[in-house]
Amino acid sequence: KDMTGAVMDPFCAFLILRGLKTLE
């Protein structure tokens, strides 16, 4: 938060949540 500011975008999080369902 205070140094890099390298936060994840919410749409990116949504896409990975979808991808994770088929990870195994």
PDB file of all heavy atoms in Angstrom:
ATOM      1  N   LYS A   1       0.815  -1.218   0.000  1.00  0.00           N
ATOM      2  CA  LYS A   1       0.000   0.000   0.000  1.00  0.00           C
ATOM      3  C   LYS A   1       0.850   1.271   0.000  1.00  0.00           C
ATOM      4  O   LYS A   1       0.607   2.197  -0.784  1.00  0.00           O
ATOM      5  CB  LYS A   1      -0.937  -0.005   1.200  1.00  0.00           C
ATOM      6  CG  LYS A   1      -1.725   1.277   1.414  1.00  0.00           C
ATOM      7  CD  LYS A   1      -2.607   1.176   2.649  1.00  0.00           C
ATOM      8  CE  LYS A   1      -3.211   2.525   3.007  1.00  0.00           C
ATOM      9  NZ  LYS A   1      -2.196   3.471   3.532  1.00  0.00           N
ATOM     10  N   ASP A   2       1.861   1.313   0.882  1.00  0.00           N
ATOM     11  CA  ASP A   2       2.601   2.566   1.085  1.00  0.00           C
ATOM     12  C   ASP A   2       3.890   2.683   0.279  1.00  0.00           C
ATOM     13  O   ASP A   2       4.470   3.758   0.226  1.00  0.00           O
ATOM     14  CB  ASP A   2       2.928   2.741   2.570  1.00  0.00           C
ATOM     15  CG  ASP A   2       1.691   2.996   3.405  1.00  0.00           C
ATOM     16  OD1 ASP A   2       0.661   3.380   2.817  1.00  0.00           O
ATOM     17  OD2 ASP A   2       1.739   2.798   4.636  1.00  0.00           O
ATOM     18  N   MET A   3       4.353   1.590  -0.355  1.00  0.00           N
ATOM     19  CA  MET A   3       5.636   1.665  -1.044  1.00  0.00           C
ATOM     20  C   MET A   3       5.508   1.342  -2.528  1.00  0.00           C
ATOM     21  O   MET A   3       5.615   2.209  -3.375  1.00  0.00           O
ATOM     22  CB  MET A   3       6.657   0.738  -0.359  1.00  0.00           C
ATOM     23  CG  MET A   3       8.063   0.917  -0.867  1.00  0.00           C
ATOM     24  SD  MET A   3       8.705   2.552  -0.456  1.00  0.00           S
ATOM     25  CE  MET A   3      10.352   2.453  -1.135  1.00  0.00           C
ATOM     26  N   THR A   4       5.254   0.090  -2.851  1.00  0.00           N
ATOM     27  CA  THR A   4       5.235  -0.276  -4.274  1.00  0.00           C
ATOM     28  C   THR A   4       3.936   0.134  -4.963  1.00  0.00           C
ATOM     29  O   THR A   4       3.936   0.437  -6.149  1.00  0.00           O
ATOM     30  CB  THR A   4       5.424  -1.794  -4.461  1.00  0.00           C
ATOM     31  OG1 THR A   4       4.283  -2.486  -3.933  1.00  0.00           O
ATOM     32  CG2 THR A   4       6.686  -2.277  -3.754  1.00  0.00           C
ATOM     33  N   GLY A   5       2.829   0.114  -4.230  1.00  0.00           N
ATOM     34  CA  GLY A   5       1.533   0.391  -4.846  1.00  0.00           C
ATOM     35  C   GLY A   5       1.110  -0.659  -5.855  1.00  0.00           C
ATOM     36  O   GLY A   5       0.182  -0.436  -6.645  1.00  0.00           O
ATOM     37  N   ALA A   6       1.757  -1.835  -5.811  1.00  0.00           N
ATOM     38  CA  ALA A   6       1.513  -2.873  -6.820  1.00  0.00           C
ATOM     39  C   ALA A   6       0.288  -3.707  -6.479  1.00  0.00           C
ATOM     40  O   ALA A   6       0.362  -4.917  -6.272  1.00  0.00           O
ATOM     41  CB  ALA A   6       2.750  -3.761  -6.945  1.00  0.00           C
ATOM     42  N   VAL A   7      -0.881  -3.052  -6.423  1.00  0.00           N
ATOM     43  CA  VAL A   7      -2.104  -3.744  -6.032  1.00  0.00           C
ATOM     44  C   VAL A   7      -2.762  -4.408  -7.239  1.00  0.00           C
ATOM     45  O   VAL A   7      -2.620  -3.964  -8.372  1.00  0.00           O
ATOM     46  CB  VAL A   7      -3.103  -2.776  -5.370  1.00  0.00           C
ATOM     47  CG1 VAL A   7      -2.520  -2.207  -4.094  1.00  0.00           C
ATOM     48  CG2 VAL A   7      -3.502  -1.658  -6.317  1.00  0.00           C
ATOM     49  N   MET A   8      -3.469  -5.487  -6.970  1.00  0.00           N
ATOM     50  CA  MET A   8      -4.161  -6.218  -8.022  1.00  0.00           C
ATOM     51  C   MET A   8      -5.454  -5.523  -8.410  1.00  0.00           C
ATOM     52  O   MET A   8      -6.205  -5.039  -7.560  1.00  0.00           O
ATOM     53  CB  MET A   8      -4.459  -7.648  -7.555  1.00  0.00           C
ATOM     54  CG  MET A   8      -5.204  -8.497  -8.583  1.00  0.00           C
ATOM     55  SD  MET A   8      -5.528 -10.174  -8.007  1.00  0.00           S
ATOM     56  CE  MET A   8      -3.882 -10.879  -8.103  1.00  0.00           C
ATOM     57  N   ASP A   9      -5.742  -5.497  -9.695  1.00  0.00           N
ATOM     58  CA  ASP A   9      -6.993  -4.947 -10.199  1.00  0.00           C
ATOM     59  C   ASP A   9      -8.140  -5.929  -9.936  1.00  0.00           C
ATOM     60  O   ASP A   9      -7.964  -7.140 -10.084  1.00  0.00           O
ATOM     61  CB  ASP A   9      -6.860  -4.689 -11.704  1.00  0.00           C
ATOM     62  CG  ASP A   9      -8.134  -4.172 -12.312  1.00  0.00           C
ATOM     63  OD1 ASP A   9      -8.415  -2.977 -12.163  1.00  0.00           O
ATOM     64  OD2 ASP A   9      -8.862  -4.969 -12.941  1.00  0.00           O
ATOM     65  N   PRO A  10      -9.323  -5.460  -9.545  1.00  0.00           N
ATOM     66  CA  PRO A  10     -10.432  -6.371  -9.252  1.00  0.00           C
ATOM     67  C   PRO A  10     -10.821  -7.279 -10.415  1.00  0.00           C
ATOM     68  O   PRO A  10     -11.163  -8.453 -10.210  1.00  0.00           O
ATOM     69  CB  PRO A  10     -11.590  -5.426  -8.887  1.00  0.00           C
ATOM     70  CG  PRO A  10     -10.914  -4.185  -8.397  1.00  0.00           C
ATOM     71  CD  PRO A  10      -9.665  -4.060  -9.210  1.00  0.00           C
ATOM     72  N   PHE A  11     -10.766  -6.769 -11.648  1.00  0.00           N
ATOM     73  CA  PHE A  11     -11.115  -7.611 -12.785  1.00  0.00           C
ATOM     74  C   PHE A  11     -10.101  -8.735 -12.949  1.00  0.00           C
ATOM     75  O   PHE A  11     -10.462  -9.871 -13.290  1.00  0.00           O
ATOM     76  CB  PHE A  11     -11.203  -6.780 -14.067  1.00  0.00           C
ATOM     77  CG  PHE A  11     -11.654  -7.563 -15.269  1.00  0.00           C
ATOM     78  CD1 PHE A  11     -12.894  -8.184 -15.291  1.00  0.00           C
ATOM     79  CD2 PHE A  11     -10.834  -7.704 -16.379  1.00  0.00           C
ATOM     80  CE1 PHE A  11     -13.308  -8.917 -16.392  1.00  0.00           C
ATOM     81  CE2 PHE A  11     -11.244  -8.431 -17.486  1.00  0.00           C
ATOM     82  CZ  PHE A  11     -12.490  -9.032 -17.488  1.00  0.00           C
ATOM     83  N   CYS A  12      -8.848  -8.437 -12.688  1.00  0.00           N
ATOM     84  CA  CYS A  12      -7.797  -9.453 -12.719  1.00  0.00           C
ATOM     85  C   CYS A  12      -8.095 -10.539 -11.685  1.00  0.00           C
ATOM     86  O   CYS A  12      -7.984 -11.741 -11.967  1.00  0.00           O
ATOM     87  CB  CYS A  12      -6.447  -8.805 -12.464  1.00  0.00           C
ATOM     88  SG  CYS A  12      -5.064  -9.944 -12.348  1.00  0.00           S
ATOM     89  N   ALA A  13      -8.463 -10.126 -10.477  1.00  0.00           N
ATOM     90  CA  ALA A  13      -8.801 -11.089  -9.427  1.00  0.00           C
ATOM     91  C   ALA A  13      -9.957 -11.979  -9.851  1.00  0.00           C
ATOM     92  O   ALA A  13      -9.948 -13.196  -9.611  1.00  0.00           O
ATOM     93  CB  ALA A  13      -9.149 -10.347  -8.132  1.00  0.00           C
ATOM     94  N   PHE A  14     -10.956 -11.390 -10.495  1.00  0.00           N
ATOM     95  CA  PHE A  14     -12.104 -12.154 -10.981  1.00  0.00           C
ATOM     96  C   PHE A  14     -11.672 -13.219 -11.983  1.00  0.00           C
ATOM     97  O   PHE A  14     -12.113 -14.379 -11.919  1.00  0.00           O
ATOM     98  CB  PHE A  14     -13.119 -11.198 -11.613  1.00  0.00           C
ATOM     99  CG  PHE A  14     -14.198 -11.881 -12.401  1.00  0.00           C
ATOM    100  CD1 PHE A  14     -15.290 -12.442 -11.769  1.00  0.00           C
ATOM    101  CD2 PHE A  14     -14.111 -11.961 -13.786  1.00  0.00           C
ATOM    102  CE1 PHE A  14     -16.289 -13.077 -12.507  1.00  0.00           C
ATOM    103  CE2 PHE A  14     -15.104 -12.595 -14.528  1.00  0.00           C
ATOM    104  CZ  PHE A  14     -16.197 -13.158 -13.884  1.00  0.00           C
ATOM    105  N   LEU A  15     -10.802 -12.848 -12.918  1.00  0.00           N
ATOM    106  CA  LEU A  15     -10.348 -13.799 -13.928  1.00  0.00           C
ATOM    107  C   LEU A  15      -9.578 -14.960 -13.294  1.00  0.00           C
ATOM    108  O   LEU A  15      -9.746 -16.124 -13.695  1.00  0.00           O
ATOM    109  CB  LEU A  15      -9.480 -13.101 -14.969  1.00  0.00           C
ATOM    110  CG  LEU A  15     -10.192 -12.153 -15.929  1.00  0.00           C
ATOM    111  CD1 LEU A  15      -9.180 -11.430 -16.812  1.00  0.00           C
ATOM    112  CD2 LEU A  15     -11.200 -12.910 -16.799  1.00  0.00           C
ATOM    113  N   ILE A  16      -8.738 -14.661 -12.306  1.00  0.00           N
ATOM    114  CA  ILE A  16      -7.976 -15.739 -11.673  1.00  0.00           C
ATOM    115  C   ILE A  16      -8.890 -16.624 -10.835  1.00  0.00           C
ATOM    116  O   ILE A  16      -8.727 -17.854 -10.803  1.00  0.00           O
ATOM    117  CB  ILE A  16      -6.827 -15.182 -10.819  1.00  0.00           C
ATOM    118  CG1 ILE A  16      -5.940 -14.253 -11.634  1.00  0.00           C
ATOM    119  CG2 ILE A  16      -5.973 -16.331 -10.278  1.00  0.00           C
ATOM    120  CD1 ILE A  16      -4.875 -13.547 -10.821  1.00  0.00           C
ATOM    121  N   LEU A  17      -9.859 -16.029 -10.143  1.00  0.00           N
ATOM    122  CA  LEU A  17     -10.827 -16.837  -9.404  1.00  0.00           C
ATOM    123  C   LEU A  17     -11.529 -17.828 -10.327  1.00  0.00           C
ATOM    124  O   LEU A  17     -11.761 -18.984  -9.955  1.00  0.00           O
ATOM    125  CB  LEU A  17     -11.863 -15.932  -8.722  1.00  0.00           C
ATOM    126  CG  LEU A  17     -11.408 -15.200  -7.461  1.00  0.00           C
ATOM    127  CD1 LEU A  17     -12.429 -14.137  -7.074  1.00  0.00           C
ATOM    128  CD2 LEU A  17     -11.186 -16.184  -6.312  1.00  0.00           C
ATOM    129  N   ARG A  18     -11.835 -17.392 -11.511  1.00  0.00           N
ATOM    130  CA  ARG A  18     -12.469 -18.285 -12.489  1.00  0.00           C
ATOM    131  C   ARG A  18     -11.500 -19.370 -12.930  1.00  0.00           C
ATOM    132  O   ARG A  18     -11.847 -20.555 -12.997  1.00  0.00           O
ATOM    133  CB  ARG A  18     -12.955 -17.482 -13.698  1.00  0.00           C
ATOM    134  CG  ARG A  18     -13.721 -18.312 -14.702  1.00  0.00           C
ATOM    135  CD  ARG A  18     -14.319 -17.469 -15.798  1.00  0.00           C
ATOM    136  NE  ARG A  18     -13.293 -16.794 -16.603  1.00  0.00           N
ATOM    137  CZ  ARG A  18     -13.557 -16.145 -17.736  1.00  0.00           C
ATOM    138  NH1 ARG A  18     -14.811 -16.051 -18.169  1.00  0.00           N
ATOM    139  NH2 ARG A  18     -12.597 -15.566 -18.409  1.00  0.00           N
ATOM    140  N   GLY A  19     -10.244 -18.988 -13.216  1.00  0.00           N
ATOM    141  CA  GLY A  19      -9.258 -19.961 -13.645  1.00  0.00           C
ATOM    142  C   GLY A  19      -8.928 -20.993 -12.580  1.00  0.00           C
ATOM    143  O   GLY A  19      -8.679 -22.170 -12.886  1.00  0.00           O
ATOM    144  N   LEU A  20      -8.938 -20.575 -11.316  1.00  0.00           N
ATOM    145  CA  LEU A  20      -8.561 -21.481 -10.234  1.00  0.00           C
ATOM    146  C   LEU A  20      -9.513 -22.658 -10.077  1.00  0.00           C
ATOM    147  O   LEU A  20      -9.123 -23.713  -9.563  1.00  0.00           O
ATOM    148  CB  LEU A  20      -8.490 -20.713  -8.910  1.00  0.00           C
ATOM    149  CG  LEU A  20      -7.203 -19.918  -8.671  1.00  0.00           C
ATOM    150  CD1 LEU A  20      -7.350 -19.020  -7.458  1.00  0.00           C
ATOM    151  CD2 LEU A  20      -6.020 -20.851  -8.507  1.00  0.00           C
ATOM    152  N   LYS A  21     -10.745 -22.507 -10.511  1.00  0.00           N
ATOM    153  CA  LYS A  21     -11.711 -23.596 -10.371  1.00  0.00           C
ATOM    154  C   LYS A  21     -11.283 -24.849 -11.135  1.00  0.00           C
ATOM    155  O   LYS A  21     -11.695 -25.959 -10.802  1.00  0.00           O
ATOM    156  CB  LYS A  21     -13.091 -23.136 -10.828  1.00  0.00           C
ATOM    157  CG  LYS A  21     -13.731 -22.091  -9.914  1.00  0.00           C
ATOM    158  CD  LYS A  21     -15.085 -21.664 -10.433  1.00  0.00           C
ATOM    159  CE  LYS A  21     -15.675 -20.523  -9.594  1.00  0.00           C
ATOM    160  NZ  LYS A  21     -16.025 -20.940  -8.223  1.00  0.00           N
ATOM    161  N   THR A  22     -10.444 -24.682 -12.160  1.00  0.00           N
ATOM    162  CA  THR A  22      -9.984 -25.837 -12.950  1.00  0.00           C
ATOM    163  C   THR A  22      -8.502 -26.136 -12.727  1.00  0.00           C
ATOM    164  O   THR A  22      -7.908 -26.917 -13.477  1.00  0.00           O
ATOM    165  CB  THR A  22     -10.223 -25.596 -14.448  1.00  0.00           C
ATOM    166  OG1 THR A  22      -9.496 -24.414 -14.875  1.00  0.00           O
ATOM    167  CG2 THR A  22     -11.705 -25.408 -14.744  1.00  0.00           C
ATOM    168  N   LEU A  23      -7.883 -25.534 -11.701  1.00  0.00           N
ATOM    169  CA  LEU A  23      -6.443 -25.707 -11.500  1.00  0.00           C
ATOM    170  C   LEU A  23      -6.056 -27.174 -11.353  1.00  0.00           C
ATOM    171  O   LEU A  23      -5.111 -27.648 -11.998  1.00  0.00           O
ATOM    172  CB  LEU A  23      -5.988 -24.923 -10.262  1.00  0.00           C
ATOM    173  CG  LEU A  23      -4.514 -25.104  -9.877  1.00  0.00           C
ATOM    174  CD1 LEU A  23      -3.596 -24.563 -10.966  1.00  0.00           C
ATOM    175  CD2 LEU A  23      -4.210 -24.416  -8.546  1.00  0.00           C
ATOM    176  N   GLU A  24      -6.742 -27.898 -10.496  1.00  0.00           N
ATOM    177  CA  GLU A  24      -6.368 -29.289 -10.238  1.00  0.00           C
ATOM    178  C   GLU A  24      -6.497 -30.135 -11.501  1.00  0.00           C
ATOM    179  O   GLU A  24      -5.618 -30.963 -11.800  1.00  0.00           O
ATOM    180  CB  GLU A  24      -7.253 -29.854  -9.121  1.00  0.00           C
ATOM    181  CG  GLU A  24      -6.764 -31.160  -8.534  1.00  0.00           C
ATOM    182  CD  GLU A  24      -7.278 -32.381  -9.278  1.00  0.00           C
ATOM    183  OE1 GLU A  24      -8.295 -32.253  -9.966  1.00  0.00           O
ATOM    184  OE2 GLU A  24      -6.643 -33.450  -9.162  1.00  0.00           O
TER     185      GLU A  24
END
